[in-house]
N, C-alpha and C. Protein backbone atom coordinates (compact mmCIF):
# COMPACT_ATOMS: atom_id res chain seq x y z
N MET A 1 -37.29 9.43 0.93
CA MET A 1 -35.75 8.50 1.48
C MET A 1 -36.06 8.35 2.73
N SER A 2 -35.48 7.21 2.53
CA SER A 2 -35.54 6.18 4.19
C SER A 2 -34.32 6.33 5.04
N SER A 3 -34.37 6.63 5.82
CA SER A 3 -33.45 7.29 7.28
C SER A 3 -32.49 5.35 7.87
N LYS A 4 -33.64 4.60 7.36
CA LYS A 4 -33.37 3.01 7.73
C LYS A 4 -31.49 2.70 7.07
N PHE A 5 -31.58 2.87 5.98
CA PHE A 5 -30.27 2.70 5.60
C PHE A 5 -29.41 3.60 4.74
N PRO A 6 -27.77 3.62 4.89
CA PRO A 6 -27.05 4.52 5.10
C PRO A 6 -26.90 4.81 3.75
N GLU A 7 -26.77 6.51 3.07
CA GLU A 7 -26.69 6.65 2.54
C GLU A 7 -25.73 6.44 0.73
N VAL A 8 -25.88 6.10 -0.56
CA VAL A 8 -24.65 6.05 -1.32
C VAL A 8 -23.99 7.59 -1.87
N GLN A 9 -22.56 7.63 -0.97
CA GLN A 9 -22.34 8.37 -1.71
C GLN A 9 -20.97 8.06 -2.62
N GLY A 10 -21.22 8.52 -3.23
CA GLY A 10 -20.32 8.28 -4.88
C GLY A 10 -19.13 8.73 -4.78
N GLY A 11 -18.42 8.15 -6.10
CA GLY A 11 -16.84 9.03 -6.08
C GLY A 11 -15.89 9.07 -5.17
N GLY A 12 -16.00 7.78 -4.40
CA GLY A 12 -15.12 8.02 -3.27
C GLY A 12 -14.25 6.08 -3.79
N SER A 13 -12.98 6.21 -2.74
CA SER A 13 -12.86 4.52 -3.19
C SER A 13 -12.47 3.69 -1.92
N LEU A 14 -12.30 1.92 -2.48
CA LEU A 14 -12.94 1.25 -1.59
C LEU A 14 -11.55 0.83 -1.47
N ILE A 15 -11.12 1.60 0.52
CA ILE A 15 -10.53 1.69 1.35
C ILE A 15 -10.53 0.17 1.59
N VAL A 16 -9.35 -0.78 1.46
CA VAL A 16 -8.94 -2.34 1.74
C VAL A 16 -7.62 -2.35 2.24
N ALA A 17 -7.45 -3.14 3.34
CA ALA A 17 -6.10 -3.48 3.60
C ALA A 17 -6.00 -4.66 3.10
N TRP A 18 -4.84 -4.53 0.91
CA TRP A 18 -4.34 -5.90 0.33
C TRP A 18 -3.84 -6.34 0.90
N GLN A 19 -3.36 -7.62 1.52
CA GLN A 19 -2.88 -8.94 1.38
C GLN A 19 -1.80 -8.69 0.46
N ILE A 20 -0.27 -8.13 -0.14
CA ILE A 20 0.56 -8.60 -0.95
C ILE A 20 1.62 -9.51 -0.37
N ARG A 21 1.73 -10.24 0.67
CA ARG A 21 2.49 -11.22 1.09
C ARG A 21 2.86 -11.58 -0.35
N ASN A 22 4.83 -11.78 -0.51
CA ASN A 22 5.14 -12.61 -1.38
C ASN A 22 4.37 -12.75 -2.35
N LYS A 23 3.51 -11.09 -2.72
CA LYS A 23 3.43 -10.74 -4.17
C LYS A 23 4.32 -9.87 -4.93
N HIS A 24 4.86 -10.10 -6.19
CA HIS A 24 5.87 -9.83 -6.46
C HIS A 24 5.68 -8.28 -7.07
N VAL A 25 6.26 -6.87 -6.44
CA VAL A 25 5.98 -5.63 -6.86
C VAL A 25 6.93 -4.86 -7.72
N LEU A 26 6.30 -4.30 -9.01
CA LEU A 26 7.33 -3.66 -9.64
C LEU A 26 7.40 -2.63 -9.40
N VAL A 27 8.51 -1.96 -8.97
CA VAL A 27 8.84 -0.09 -8.55
C VAL A 27 9.27 0.13 -9.55
N VAL A 28 8.88 0.78 -10.54
CA VAL A 28 9.57 1.68 -11.68
C VAL A 28 9.92 3.22 -11.33
N GLY A 29 11.52 3.62 -10.85
CA GLY A 29 11.50 4.73 -10.57
C GLY A 29 12.35 4.19 -9.10
N GLY A 30 13.49 5.21 -8.94
CA GLY A 30 14.54 4.95 -7.49
C GLY A 30 14.41 6.55 -6.88
N GLY A 31 13.32 7.35 -7.11
CA GLY A 31 13.32 8.60 -6.15
C GLY A 31 12.75 8.30 -5.34
N GLU A 32 12.98 9.21 -4.43
CA GLU A 32 11.78 10.11 -3.37
C GLU A 32 10.91 9.31 -2.78
N VAL A 33 9.69 9.38 -3.99
CA VAL A 33 8.60 8.84 -4.15
C VAL A 33 8.46 7.22 -4.15
N ALA A 34 9.81 7.18 -4.92
CA ALA A 34 9.91 5.31 -4.65
C ALA A 34 9.76 5.06 -3.63
N SER A 35 10.93 5.84 -2.65
CA SER A 35 11.39 5.08 -1.58
C SER A 35 10.07 5.24 -0.79
N GLY A 36 9.22 5.77 -0.77
CA GLY A 36 8.08 5.82 0.07
C GLY A 36 7.22 4.27 0.15
N ARG A 37 6.98 4.25 -1.68
CA ARG A 37 6.14 3.31 -2.40
C ARG A 37 6.70 1.60 -1.42
N ILE A 38 8.53 1.87 -2.01
CA ILE A 38 8.95 0.88 -1.96
C ILE A 38 8.69 -0.01 0.01
N LEU A 39 8.73 1.37 0.86
CA LEU A 39 8.87 1.43 2.31
C LEU A 39 7.53 0.21 2.61
N HIS A 40 6.81 1.18 1.50
CA HIS A 40 5.32 0.41 2.34
C HIS A 40 4.70 -1.24 1.70
N ALA A 41 5.55 -1.30 0.64
CA ALA A 41 5.63 -2.60 -0.04
C ALA A 41 6.37 -3.74 1.07
N LEU A 42 7.15 -3.27 1.15
CA LEU A 42 8.43 -3.94 2.08
C LEU A 42 7.29 -4.06 3.38
N ASN A 43 6.90 -3.24 4.32
CA ASN A 43 6.23 -3.98 5.37
C ASN A 43 4.75 -4.35 5.05
N ALA A 44 4.34 -4.86 3.74
CA ALA A 44 3.44 -5.39 3.51
C ALA A 44 3.97 -7.01 2.68
N ASP A 45 5.58 -7.09 3.15
CA ASP A 45 5.70 -7.52 2.97
C ASP A 45 5.59 -9.03 1.49
N ALA A 46 5.69 -8.00 0.70
CA ALA A 46 6.33 -8.03 -1.01
C ALA A 46 7.06 -8.47 -0.90
N LYS A 47 6.99 -9.20 -2.24
CA LYS A 47 9.02 -8.99 -3.00
C LYS A 47 9.25 -8.09 -3.74
N VAL A 48 9.60 -7.23 -3.75
CA VAL A 48 9.70 -5.96 -4.37
C VAL A 48 11.19 -5.69 -5.40
N THR A 49 11.11 -5.84 -6.96
CA THR A 49 12.09 -5.18 -7.61
C THR A 49 12.07 -4.18 -8.53
N VAL A 50 12.95 -3.69 -7.94
CA VAL A 50 13.57 -1.97 -8.66
C VAL A 50 13.76 -2.13 -10.10
N VAL A 51 13.26 -1.31 -10.89
CA VAL A 51 13.90 -1.07 -12.30
C VAL A 51 13.96 0.43 -12.07
N CYS A 52 15.51 0.70 -12.45
CA CYS A 52 16.52 2.45 -12.47
C CYS A 52 17.39 1.97 -12.53
N PRO A 53 17.54 2.83 -13.52
CA PRO A 53 19.82 3.02 -13.28
C PRO A 53 20.02 3.67 -12.05
N LYS A 54 20.94 2.96 -11.83
CA LYS A 54 21.76 3.09 -10.51
C LYS A 54 21.62 4.55 -10.51
N SER A 55 22.53 5.61 -11.16
CA SER A 55 22.52 6.73 -10.93
C SER A 55 21.41 7.38 -10.84
N GLY A 56 20.03 6.50 -11.05
CA GLY A 56 18.57 7.22 -10.61
C GLY A 56 18.33 6.69 -9.23
N LEU A 57 19.16 6.38 -8.24
CA LEU A 57 18.52 5.87 -6.96
C LEU A 57 19.23 7.23 -5.79
N ASN A 58 17.89 7.22 -5.13
CA ASN A 58 18.55 7.96 -3.80
C ASN A 58 19.18 7.38 -3.03
N GLU A 59 19.34 7.72 -2.21
CA GLU A 59 19.95 7.17 -0.38
C GLU A 59 19.64 6.03 0.02
N GLU A 60 17.74 5.92 0.01
CA GLU A 60 17.23 5.35 1.21
C GLU A 60 16.98 3.85 -0.12
N VAL A 61 16.75 3.78 -1.42
CA VAL A 61 16.93 2.70 -2.62
C VAL A 61 18.25 2.41 -2.48
N ALA A 62 18.85 3.33 -2.64
CA ALA A 62 20.49 2.44 -2.59
C ALA A 62 20.75 2.27 -1.49
N TYR A 63 20.11 1.99 -0.46
CA TYR A 63 20.55 1.44 0.88
C TYR A 63 19.71 -0.02 1.22
N ARG A 64 18.20 0.09 0.54
CA ARG A 64 17.53 -1.06 0.24
C ARG A 64 18.24 -2.11 -0.66
N VAL A 65 18.55 -1.38 -2.15
CA VAL A 65 19.32 -2.69 -2.44
C VAL A 65 20.93 -3.14 -2.21
N ALA A 66 21.45 -2.25 -1.62
CA ALA A 66 22.60 -2.73 -0.99
C ALA A 66 22.45 -3.60 0.48
N GLN A 67 21.21 -3.57 1.16
CA GLN A 67 20.94 -4.68 1.90
C GLN A 67 19.89 -5.75 1.56
N ASN A 68 19.96 -6.09 -0.22
CA ASN A 68 19.32 -7.00 -0.51
C ASN A 68 17.89 -7.28 -0.11
N GLN A 69 17.41 -5.92 0.50
CA GLN A 69 15.85 -5.89 1.05
C GLN A 69 15.25 -5.62 -0.16
N VAL A 70 15.92 -5.17 -1.59
CA VAL A 70 14.80 -5.08 -3.03
C VAL A 70 15.59 -5.86 -4.19
N SER A 71 15.39 -6.23 -4.68
CA SER A 71 15.93 -7.14 -6.32
C SER A 71 15.95 -5.38 -7.32
N HIS A 72 17.26 -5.24 -7.65
CA HIS A 72 17.31 -3.76 -8.81
C HIS A 72 17.94 -4.66 -10.24
N VAL A 73 16.98 -3.60 -10.94
CA VAL A 73 17.10 -4.48 -11.90
C VAL A 73 18.21 -2.49 -12.81
N ASP A 74 19.31 -2.52 -13.14
CA ASP A 74 20.01 -1.26 -13.21
C ASP A 74 19.89 -1.01 -15.01
N ARG A 75 18.96 -0.57 -14.64
CA ARG A 75 18.04 0.26 -16.73
C ARG A 75 16.78 0.99 -16.30
N ASN A 76 16.43 1.45 -17.60
CA ASN A 76 15.33 2.08 -17.92
C ASN A 76 14.22 1.31 -17.51
N PHE A 77 12.48 1.13 -17.33
CA PHE A 77 11.96 0.46 -17.57
C PHE A 77 12.07 -0.34 -19.33
N GLU A 78 11.39 -1.86 -19.42
CA GLU A 78 11.48 -2.66 -21.16
C GLU A 78 9.80 -3.31 -19.76
N PRO A 79 9.16 -3.71 -21.32
CA PRO A 79 7.63 -4.13 -20.76
C PRO A 79 8.06 -5.44 -20.69
N HIS A 80 9.44 -6.52 -20.64
CA HIS A 80 8.99 -7.36 -20.12
C HIS A 80 9.07 -7.17 -18.89
N ASP A 81 9.46 -6.34 -18.12
CA ASP A 81 9.81 -6.35 -16.67
C ASP A 81 8.21 -6.44 -15.61
N LEU A 82 7.20 -6.39 -16.72
CA LEU A 82 5.70 -7.01 -16.05
C LEU A 82 5.47 -7.98 -16.02
N ASP A 83 5.98 -8.81 -16.70
CA ASP A 83 6.17 -10.03 -16.89
C ASP A 83 5.75 -11.45 -15.80
N ASN A 84 6.36 -11.01 -14.39
CA ASN A 84 5.78 -11.72 -12.99
C ASN A 84 5.13 -11.03 -12.38
N ALA A 85 4.64 -9.46 -12.87
CA ALA A 85 4.14 -8.35 -11.83
C ALA A 85 2.64 -8.84 -11.32
N ASP A 86 2.77 -8.58 -9.78
CA ASP A 86 1.39 -8.98 -9.32
C ASP A 86 0.50 -6.99 -9.06
N MET A 87 1.60 -5.94 -9.05
CA MET A 87 1.35 -5.08 -8.90
C MET A 87 2.69 -4.14 -9.52
N VAL A 88 2.13 -2.58 -10.05
CA VAL A 88 3.30 -1.81 -10.41
C VAL A 88 2.48 -0.75 -9.59
N LEU A 89 3.58 -0.14 -9.20
CA LEU A 89 4.28 1.17 -8.48
C LEU A 89 5.15 2.25 -9.58
N CYS A 90 4.67 3.21 -10.41
CA CYS A 90 5.78 3.52 -10.87
C CYS A 90 5.59 5.22 -10.34
N ALA A 91 6.81 5.71 -10.46
CA ALA A 91 7.10 7.30 -10.05
C ALA A 91 8.64 7.51 -10.62
N ILE A 92 8.60 7.64 -11.92
CA ILE A 92 9.13 8.72 -12.56
C ILE A 92 8.51 9.80 -12.95
N ASP A 93 10.18 10.78 -13.52
CA ASP A 93 9.56 11.84 -13.69
C ASP A 93 9.32 12.41 -15.20
N ASP A 94 8.72 11.32 -15.74
CA ASP A 94 8.57 10.93 -16.86
C ASP A 94 6.87 10.99 -17.54
N PRO A 95 6.51 12.18 -18.00
CA PRO A 95 5.06 11.65 -18.65
C PRO A 95 5.08 10.59 -19.28
N GLU A 96 5.50 10.34 -20.45
CA GLU A 96 4.94 9.36 -21.80
C GLU A 96 5.19 8.42 -21.25
N ALA A 97 6.41 8.58 -20.90
CA ALA A 97 7.05 6.93 -20.24
C ALA A 97 6.10 6.16 -19.03
N SER A 98 5.60 6.76 -17.91
CA SER A 98 4.55 6.77 -17.43
C SER A 98 2.98 6.61 -17.82
N THR A 99 2.79 7.26 -18.62
CA THR A 99 1.63 7.02 -19.33
C THR A 99 1.68 5.39 -20.04
N GLN A 100 2.69 5.22 -20.76
CA GLN A 100 3.37 4.21 -21.25
C GLN A 100 3.21 3.00 -20.28
N VAL A 101 3.67 2.65 -19.20
CA VAL A 101 3.79 2.32 -17.93
C VAL A 101 2.73 1.69 -18.24
N TRP A 102 1.88 2.69 -17.40
CA TRP A 102 0.53 2.21 -17.21
C TRP A 102 -0.37 1.64 -18.54
N LYS A 103 -0.60 2.37 -19.67
CA LYS A 103 -0.80 1.31 -21.03
C LYS A 103 -0.75 -0.22 -20.94
N LEU A 104 0.59 -0.49 -20.51
CA LEU A 104 1.07 -1.93 -20.75
C LEU A 104 0.09 -2.69 -19.28
N CYS A 105 0.08 -2.08 -17.93
CA CYS A 105 -0.58 -2.52 -17.04
C CYS A 105 -2.18 -3.31 -17.14
N LYS A 106 -2.69 -1.82 -17.85
CA LYS A 106 -3.88 -2.09 -18.47
C LYS A 106 -4.05 -3.45 -19.20
N GLU A 107 -3.16 -3.28 -20.57
CA GLU A 107 -3.35 -4.69 -21.12
C GLU A 107 -3.05 -6.03 -20.50
N ARG A 108 -2.70 -6.21 -19.55
CA ARG A 108 -2.14 -7.07 -19.06
C ARG A 108 -3.21 -7.60 -17.50
N ARG A 109 -3.74 -6.40 -17.04
CA ARG A 109 -4.60 -6.50 -16.25
C ARG A 109 -3.77 -6.93 -14.66
N ILE A 110 -2.86 -5.69 -14.82
CA ILE A 110 -2.24 -5.46 -13.70
C ILE A 110 -2.21 -3.87 -12.98
N PRO A 111 -2.65 -4.32 -11.62
CA PRO A 111 -3.08 -3.01 -10.85
C PRO A 111 -2.07 -2.20 -10.79
N ALA A 112 -1.90 -0.74 -11.15
CA ALA A 112 -0.88 0.23 -11.06
C ALA A 112 -1.38 1.01 -10.44
N ASN A 113 -0.22 2.27 -10.04
CA ASN A 113 -0.42 3.47 -9.05
C ASN A 113 0.62 4.00 -10.14
N ILE A 114 0.03 5.37 -10.80
CA ILE A 114 1.02 6.35 -11.02
C ILE A 114 1.51 7.30 -10.48
N ALA A 115 2.47 7.62 -10.11
CA ALA A 115 2.72 9.11 -9.01
C ALA A 115 2.05 9.69 -9.64
N ASP A 116 1.13 10.51 -8.61
CA ASP A 116 0.61 11.86 -9.02
C ASP A 116 0.21 12.36 -10.20
N VAL A 117 -0.76 11.15 -11.08
CA VAL A 117 -1.39 11.07 -11.96
C VAL A 117 -2.77 10.22 -11.26
N PRO A 118 -3.62 10.67 -10.50
CA PRO A 118 -4.67 10.49 -10.31
C PRO A 118 -4.99 9.33 -11.86
N PRO A 119 -5.61 9.92 -12.74
CA PRO A 119 -6.53 8.75 -13.77
C PRO A 119 -5.68 8.18 -14.14
N GLU A 120 -4.41 7.57 -13.51
CA GLU A 120 -3.60 6.61 -14.30
C GLU A 120 -3.20 5.72 -13.21
N CYS A 121 -4.40 5.49 -11.74
CA CYS A 121 -4.15 4.92 -11.21
C CYS A 121 -5.16 3.81 -10.64
N ASP A 122 -4.70 2.97 -10.56
CA ASP A 122 -6.13 2.24 -10.16
C ASP A 122 -6.54 1.83 -8.48
N PHE A 123 -4.95 2.38 -7.64
CA PHE A 123 -5.59 2.71 -5.97
C PHE A 123 -4.85 3.69 -6.23
N TYR A 124 -4.66 4.32 -4.66
CA TYR A 124 -4.21 5.46 -4.29
C TYR A 124 -3.08 5.32 -2.93
N PHE A 125 -1.90 5.73 -2.25
CA PHE A 125 -1.41 5.91 -1.47
C PHE A 125 -2.07 7.12 -0.50
N GLY A 126 -2.25 6.77 0.70
CA GLY A 126 -3.26 7.50 1.35
C GLY A 126 -1.87 7.88 2.80
N SER A 127 -2.76 8.87 3.66
CA SER A 127 -1.18 9.00 4.67
C SER A 127 -1.45 8.10 5.80
N MET A 128 -0.54 7.60 5.89
CA MET A 128 -0.61 5.97 6.69
C MET A 128 -0.02 6.41 8.32
N HIS A 129 -0.34 5.61 9.14
CA HIS A 129 -0.23 5.79 10.95
C HIS A 129 0.08 3.79 11.13
N ARG A 130 1.31 3.75 11.55
CA ARG A 130 0.97 2.54 12.16
C ARG A 130 2.15 2.44 13.44
N ASP A 131 1.18 1.18 14.24
CA ASP A 131 1.47 0.96 15.38
C ASP A 131 1.53 -0.35 16.06
N GLY A 132 2.73 -1.66 15.30
CA GLY A 132 2.21 -2.57 15.48
C GLY A 132 1.01 -2.93 14.40
N PRO A 133 -0.07 -3.66 14.72
CA PRO A 133 -0.87 -4.54 13.82
C PRO A 133 -1.92 -3.26 13.60
N LEU A 134 -1.71 -2.42 14.11
CA LEU A 134 -2.98 -1.26 13.67
C LEU A 134 -1.81 -0.29 12.92
N GLN A 135 -2.85 -0.01 11.73
CA GLN A 135 -2.55 0.59 10.55
C GLN A 135 -4.37 1.61 10.60
N ILE A 136 -4.09 2.82 10.45
CA ILE A 136 -4.34 3.95 9.60
C ILE A 136 -4.55 4.62 8.95
N MET A 137 -5.30 4.70 7.92
CA MET A 137 -4.98 5.44 6.45
C MET A 137 -5.90 6.41 6.22
N VAL A 138 -5.07 8.15 5.89
CA VAL A 138 -6.59 9.18 5.40
C VAL A 138 -6.54 8.72 3.78
N SER A 139 -7.31 8.83 3.56
CA SER A 139 -7.20 9.16 2.30
C SER A 139 -8.24 10.24 1.33
N THR A 140 -7.28 11.39 0.53
CA THR A 140 -9.07 12.71 0.25
C THR A 140 -8.75 12.27 -1.69
N ASN A 141 -8.80 11.01 -1.74
CA ASN A 141 -9.16 10.26 -3.08
C ASN A 141 -7.91 11.06 -4.23
N GLY A 142 -7.26 11.58 -3.98
CA GLY A 142 -6.05 12.27 -4.89
C GLY A 142 -6.18 13.88 -4.70
N ASN A 143 -7.40 14.24 -3.89
CA ASN A 143 -7.74 15.60 -3.66
C ASN A 143 -6.66 16.85 -2.98
N GLY A 144 -5.92 15.69 -1.86
CA GLY A 144 -5.38 16.81 -0.88
C GLY A 144 -4.39 15.95 -0.05
N PRO A 145 -3.31 15.33 -0.99
CA PRO A 145 -2.61 14.61 0.28
C PRO A 145 -1.93 15.32 1.46
N LYS A 146 -1.85 16.59 1.00
CA LYS A 146 -1.20 17.35 2.18
C LYS A 146 -2.14 17.39 3.51
N LEU A 147 -3.40 17.48 3.05
CA LEU A 147 -4.70 17.76 3.86
C LEU A 147 -4.74 16.19 4.45
N ALA A 148 -4.87 15.17 3.37
CA ALA A 148 -4.50 13.64 4.32
C ALA A 148 -3.70 13.90 5.65
N ASN A 149 -2.53 14.27 5.27
CA ASN A 149 -1.37 14.10 6.26
C ASN A 149 -1.70 14.74 7.30
N ILE A 150 -2.13 16.26 7.25
CA ILE A 150 -2.97 16.94 8.98
C ILE A 150 -3.95 17.02 9.46
N VAL A 151 -5.01 15.30 8.69
CA VAL A 151 -5.87 14.42 9.33
C VAL A 151 -5.68 13.48 10.14
N ARG A 152 -4.39 12.83 9.58
CA ARG A 152 -4.06 11.65 9.89
C ARG A 152 -3.12 11.70 11.64
N GLN A 153 -2.44 12.95 11.13
CA GLN A 153 -1.76 13.40 12.57
C GLN A 153 -2.44 13.44 13.72
N LYS A 154 -3.50 14.47 13.62
CA LYS A 154 -4.57 14.98 13.98
C LYS A 154 -5.23 13.11 14.67
N ILE A 155 -5.63 12.84 14.64
CA ILE A 155 -6.04 11.10 14.80
C ILE A 155 -4.97 10.33 15.45
N ALA A 156 -3.79 10.18 14.44
CA ALA A 156 -2.86 9.70 15.79
C ALA A 156 -2.43 10.05 17.03
N SER A 157 -2.47 11.43 17.03
CA SER A 157 -2.24 12.52 18.11
C SER A 157 -3.62 11.86 19.48
N THR A 158 -4.63 11.31 19.40
CA THR A 158 -5.48 11.33 19.81
C THR A 158 -5.58 9.88 20.91
N LEU A 159 -4.74 8.68 20.26
CA LEU A 159 -4.59 7.43 19.93
C LEU A 159 -3.89 7.24 21.50
N PRO A 160 -3.83 6.40 22.37
CA PRO A 160 -3.61 5.97 23.67
C PRO A 160 -2.43 5.46 22.88
N GLN A 161 -1.41 5.99 24.57
CA GLN A 161 0.23 5.16 24.48
C GLN A 161 0.20 3.19 24.34
N ASN A 162 0.78 2.67 23.73
CA ASN A 162 1.19 1.28 23.72
C ASN A 162 -0.70 0.86 23.29
N THR A 163 -1.05 1.86 21.91
CA THR A 163 -2.45 1.14 21.46
C THR A 163 -2.02 -0.28 20.61
N GLY A 164 -1.15 -0.09 20.01
CA GLY A 164 -1.05 -1.05 19.07
C GLY A 164 0.05 -2.99 19.78
N ALA A 165 0.38 -2.15 21.01
CA ALA A 165 0.76 -3.84 21.59
C ALA A 165 -0.86 -4.30 22.56
N ALA A 166 -1.67 -3.34 22.12
CA ALA A 166 -3.09 -4.13 23.13
C ALA A 166 -3.61 -4.29 22.10
N ILE A 167 -3.98 -4.08 20.99
CA ILE A 167 -3.87 -4.75 19.65
C ILE A 167 -3.73 -6.13 19.40
N GLU A 168 -2.44 -6.38 19.84
CA GLU A 168 -1.50 -7.39 20.02
C GLU A 168 -1.86 -8.80 20.80
N ASN A 169 -2.32 -8.03 21.62
CA ASN A 169 -2.46 -8.46 22.93
C ASN A 169 -4.73 -9.09 22.62
N VAL A 170 -5.01 -8.71 21.68
CA VAL A 170 -6.50 -9.19 22.08
C VAL A 170 -6.67 -10.15 20.40
N GLY A 171 -4.97 -9.87 19.32
CA GLY A 171 -5.60 -10.85 18.46
C GLY A 171 -4.67 -12.15 18.88
N LEU A 172 -3.45 -12.13 19.93
CA LEU A 172 -3.68 -13.32 20.84
C LEU A 172 -5.08 -14.11 21.62
N LEU A 173 -5.74 -13.54 22.19
CA LEU A 173 -7.10 -13.71 22.77
C LEU A 173 -7.54 -14.62 21.37
N ARG A 174 -7.93 -13.74 20.62
CA ARG A 174 -9.19 -13.92 19.30
C ARG A 174 -8.65 -15.73 19.40
N LYS A 175 -7.03 -15.71 18.86
CA LYS A 175 -6.72 -16.84 18.70
C LYS A 175 -6.84 -18.50 19.63
N LYS A 176 -6.42 -18.13 20.61
CA LYS A 176 -6.46 -19.33 21.50
C LYS A 176 -8.44 -19.18 21.87
N LEU A 177 -9.22 -18.34 21.74
CA LEU A 177 -10.34 -18.40 21.50
C LEU A 177 -11.04 -19.58 20.39
N ARG A 178 -10.31 -19.35 18.98
CA ARG A 178 -10.39 -20.34 17.96
C ARG A 178 -9.70 -21.78 18.11
N GLU A 179 -9.17 -21.75 19.08
CA GLU A 179 -7.87 -23.25 19.22
C GLU A 179 -8.85 -22.99 20.34
N ILE A 180 -9.70 -22.66 21.29
CA ILE A 180 -10.75 -23.35 22.35
C ILE A 180 -11.56 -23.87 21.63
N ALA A 181 -12.51 -23.07 20.73
CA ALA A 181 -13.97 -23.05 19.99
C ALA A 181 -13.58 -22.98 18.88
N PRO A 182 -13.67 -23.74 18.04
CA PRO A 182 -13.43 -23.90 16.45
C PRO A 182 -14.51 -23.47 15.65
N ASP A 183 -15.11 -23.74 16.61
CA ASP A 183 -16.64 -24.09 15.62
C ASP A 183 -16.92 -22.48 14.91
N THR A 184 -17.63 -22.77 13.39
CA THR A 184 -17.37 -22.12 13.26
C THR A 184 -18.86 -21.12 13.48
N GLN A 185 -19.63 -21.67 14.47
CA GLN A 185 -20.84 -21.07 14.41
C GLN A 185 -21.08 -20.57 16.28
N GLU A 186 -19.55 -20.44 16.27
CA GLU A 186 -19.36 -19.32 17.78
C GLU A 186 -18.60 -18.41 17.16
N GLY A 187 -18.19 -18.27 15.82
CA GLY A 187 -16.93 -16.84 15.27
C GLY A 187 -17.97 -15.94 14.98
N PRO A 188 -19.84 -15.74 14.66
CA PRO A 188 -20.07 -14.63 15.59
C PRO A 188 -20.06 -13.71 16.87
N LYS A 189 -19.87 -14.68 17.63
CA LYS A 189 -19.98 -14.55 18.89
C LYS A 189 -18.21 -13.06 19.20
N ARG A 190 -17.31 -14.59 18.33
CA ARG A 190 -15.71 -13.94 18.35
C ARG A 190 -15.57 -12.94 17.77
N MET A 191 -16.58 -12.56 16.70
CA MET A 191 -16.80 -11.43 15.86
C MET A 191 -16.09 -9.81 16.94
N LYS A 192 -17.05 -9.86 17.06
CA LYS A 192 -17.82 -8.95 17.97
C LYS A 192 -16.96 -7.77 18.59
N TRP A 193 -15.81 -8.47 19.29
CA TRP A 193 -14.25 -7.55 19.42
C TRP A 193 -13.54 -8.10 18.82
């Protein structure tokens, strides 16, 4: 074997920064797990619709509904709720209903995450740290979410203060450089930092 190239380590996930700005994200459920999923989607500038009876909304989800941060459908999930969905986040305590949502998403080729059911997820939510434009995610691929939190906290504790602000400044400099030297041949030099 050659050590010239990295070894393949199968079984991982493709870690990407998925751009969902203005995409329609359907959240099925309104409890604690749903509230975390909703916040992640809102932080990514998605358009969020929550399908859940009003009586099932926790305090945070009810707040987001009252503030018009999300749309709310006051009933249980129905298959036609998927009609305009670009992504589905299911966070309900009914395994049969969750599996039904998963199957319908697969039929329609809609990426979905069924909370706490790794085999019924196209993607996972990792443990996140955010400081302005800096986002760090630690994933255990569903094997140990609490361990991911510990690792993320350790990483975040080593970052200098104002890292996010420094990155914003670098972004402004890059933007100015693109304006001054828009030639695509200059891109590789600019991409070094």
